[in-house]
Amino acid sequence: MKKIDDLKAGVAVIILNKENQVLLQKRADVGLWGIPSGHVEIGETVSEAVIREVKEETNLDVRIEKLIGVYSDPDSQVFKYPNGKAVHFITTCFLAEITGGELTCNSDESLEIKFFDPDNLPADLLTMHPQWLEDALSKKETAFIR
């Protein structure tokens, strides 16, 4: 098993526009594209974390539509930061609908934010995110546990 320095609860949010394009952010910490995601803070529910993270990173207001899945497999859920620290995330992934706000890259965590066609995603996508997106687009009614 890989050396893991920490374990954290995370959330990820699949947001689709009316054209069925997925919202991605280019992360400032690693320079890669990914689904809006972040940590659950102490005293916060996963639902509150979803709404806060999306607002911080995109300036959008969202409503959670459904649970996509819970992801904990260390083979896909260990993220190595540029400082060398390896964090194992247990990520709860949701599908959310935009209810307000105006799309803005207003976070020091994001270099760029935009919608992509699911068949034309950027090549430099974080490794665990394609599975989350595939699961979200599968239209399966029950949540995945991976």
Protein backbone atom coordinates (compact mmCIF):
# COMPACT_ATOMS: atom_id res chain seq x y z
CA MET A 1 0.00 0.00 0.00
CA LYS A 2 1.12 3.55 -0.73
CA LYS A 3 2.32 5.76 2.13
CA ILE A 4 -0.68 7.81 3.22
CA ASP A 5 -0.25 10.84 5.47
CA ASP A 6 -3.86 11.74 6.22
CA LEU A 7 -7.50 10.73 5.79
CA LYS A 8 -10.16 13.35 4.92
CA ALA A 9 -13.86 13.49 4.13
CA GLY A 10 -14.48 15.09 0.76
CA VAL A 11 -17.35 16.08 -1.49
CA ALA A 12 -17.53 16.30 -5.27
CA VAL A 13 -20.31 17.88 -7.30
CA ILE A 14 -21.36 17.03 -10.84
CA ILE A 15 -23.08 20.08 -12.33
CA LEU A 16 -24.59 19.85 -15.80
CA ASN A 17 -25.90 22.77 -17.84
CA LYS A 18 -28.96 22.70 -20.14
CA GLU A 19 -26.75 21.35 -22.97
CA ASN A 20 -25.72 18.43 -20.72
CA GLN A 21 -22.15 19.75 -20.47
CA VAL A 22 -20.25 19.19 -17.23
CA LEU A 23 -18.70 22.00 -15.19
CA LEU A 24 -14.98 21.59 -14.54
CA GLN A 25 -12.44 23.73 -12.73
CA LYS A 26 -8.74 23.99 -13.48
CA ARG A 27 -7.24 23.64 -10.01
CA ALA A 28 -4.57 26.08 -8.90
CA ASP A 29 -2.81 23.57 -6.62
CA VAL A 30 -1.96 21.00 -9.32
CA GLY A 31 -2.87 22.73 -12.60
CA LEU A 32 -5.26 19.92 -13.61
CA TRP A 33 -8.94 19.99 -14.52
CA GLY A 34 -11.48 18.41 -12.21
CA ILE A 35 -15.03 18.31 -10.95
CA PRO A 36 -15.67 20.93 -8.26
CA SER A 37 -14.71 19.26 -5.01
CA GLY A 38 -13.35 19.95 -1.58
CA HIS A 39 -13.18 19.02 2.08
CA VAL A 40 -15.96 18.70 4.59
CA GLU A 41 -15.18 21.12 7.42
CA ILE A 42 -15.60 20.25 11.10
CA GLY A 43 -19.23 20.67 12.18
CA GLU A 44 -20.52 20.71 8.60
CA THR A 45 -22.78 18.21 6.84
CA VAL A 46 -21.86 16.89 3.39
CA SER A 47 -24.82 18.83 1.97
CA GLU A 48 -23.56 22.06 3.52
CA ALA A 49 -20.06 21.32 2.20
CA VAL A 50 -21.44 20.86 -1.35
CA ILE A 51 -23.27 24.19 -1.30
CA ARG A 52 -20.29 26.04 0.26
CA GLU A 53 -17.65 24.55 -2.04
CA VAL A 54 -19.66 25.26 -5.21
CA LYS A 55 -20.34 28.84 -4.09
CA GLU A 56 -16.66 29.43 -3.19
CA GLU A 57 -15.29 27.97 -6.41
CA THR A 58 -17.91 28.97 -8.99
CA ASN A 59 -20.18 31.63 -7.45
CA LEU A 60 -23.15 29.38 -8.32
CA ASP A 61 -25.99 28.37 -6.02
CA VAL A 62 -27.00 24.72 -6.31
CA ARG A 63 -29.58 22.25 -5.11
CA ILE A 64 -28.52 18.63 -4.62
CA GLU A 65 -30.50 16.34 -6.91
CA LYS A 66 -29.11 12.96 -5.91
CA LEU A 67 -26.22 11.00 -4.48
CA ILE A 68 -23.99 9.58 -7.21
CA GLY A 69 -21.76 7.52 -4.96
CA VAL A 70 -19.29 7.14 -2.14
CA TYR A 71 -15.68 6.58 -3.19
CA SER A 72 -13.05 5.26 -0.79
CA ASP A 73 -10.80 2.83 -2.68
CA PRO A 74 -7.21 3.88 -1.92
CA ASP A 75 -6.20 2.87 -5.47
CA SER A 76 -8.24 5.78 -6.83
CA GLN A 77 -8.82 8.01 -3.82
CA VAL A 78 -5.29 8.84 -2.69
CA PHE A 79 -4.33 12.32 -3.86
CA LYS A 80 -0.71 13.41 -3.78
CA TYR A 81 -0.27 17.14 -3.29
CA PRO A 82 2.69 19.07 -4.76
CA ASN A 83 4.22 19.28 -1.26
CA GLY A 84 4.48 15.47 -1.28
CA LYS A 85 1.70 14.84 1.23
CA ALA A 86 -0.58 11.92 0.29
CA VAL A 87 -4.19 12.19 1.45
CA HIS A 88 -6.73 9.38 1.28
CA PHE A 89 -10.14 10.90 0.57
CA ILE A 90 -13.49 9.31 1.30
CA THR A 91 -15.48 11.31 -1.25
CA THR A 92 -19.23 11.62 -1.42
CA CYS A 93 -20.20 12.63 -4.95
CA PHE A 94 -23.48 14.36 -5.79
CA LEU A 95 -25.38 15.55 -8.84
CA ALA A 96 -26.55 19.14 -8.36
CA GLU A 97 -28.73 21.59 -10.25
CA ILE A 98 -27.88 25.27 -10.66
CA THR A 99 -30.50 27.43 -8.91
CA GLY A 100 -28.83 30.85 -9.08
CA GLY A 101 -25.65 32.87 -9.12
CA GLU A 102 -23.42 33.80 -12.03
CA LEU A 103 -20.54 31.55 -13.09
CA THR A 104 -17.34 33.27 -11.96
CA CYS A 105 -13.85 32.01 -11.24
CA ASN A 106 -13.65 33.77 -7.91
CA SER A 107 -11.44 31.48 -5.89
CA ASP A 108 -7.71 31.32 -5.42
CA GLU A 109 -8.21 27.55 -5.74
CA SER A 110 -9.23 27.75 -9.42
CA LEU A 111 -7.36 28.99 -12.48
CA GLU A 112 -10.34 28.60 -14.81
CA ILE A 113 -13.91 27.28 -14.72
CA LYS A 114 -15.97 26.23 -17.71
CA PHE A 115 -18.40 23.68 -19.13
CA PHE A 116 -17.21 20.78 -21.30
CA ASP A 117 -19.00 18.26 -23.46
CA PRO A 118 -18.65 14.85 -21.72
CA ASP A 119 -17.27 13.41 -24.98
CA ASN A 120 -14.61 16.13 -25.21
CA LEU A 121 -13.05 16.46 -21.76
CA PRO A 122 -9.59 17.94 -21.28
CA ALA A 123 -6.74 15.42 -21.34
CA ASP A 124 -5.27 16.81 -18.12
CA LEU A 125 -8.13 15.64 -15.87
CA LEU A 126 -7.56 14.45 -12.29
CA THR A 127 -7.34 10.65 -12.27
CA MET A 128 -10.31 9.85 -10.03
CA HIS A 129 -12.76 12.25 -11.69
CA PRO A 130 -13.58 10.32 -14.91
CA GLN A 131 -15.11 7.51 -12.80
CA TRP A 132 -17.29 9.97 -10.88
CA LEU A 133 -18.49 11.51 -14.13
CA GLU A 134 -19.10 8.13 -15.78
CA ASP A 135 -21.17 7.06 -12.78
CA ALA A 136 -23.17 10.32 -12.84
CA LEU A 137 -23.94 10.00 -16.54
CA SER A 138 -24.92 6.32 -16.25
CA LYS A 139 -28.40 7.35 -15.05
CA LYS A 140 -28.36 4.50 -12.51
CA GLU A 141 -30.95 5.15 -9.81
CA THR A 142 -28.98 3.70 -6.89
CA ALA A 143 -25.69 5.09 -5.65
CA PHE A 144 -22.32 3.54 -6.40
CA ILE A 145 -20.03 2.41 -3.60
CA ARG A 146 -16.47 2.16 -4.84
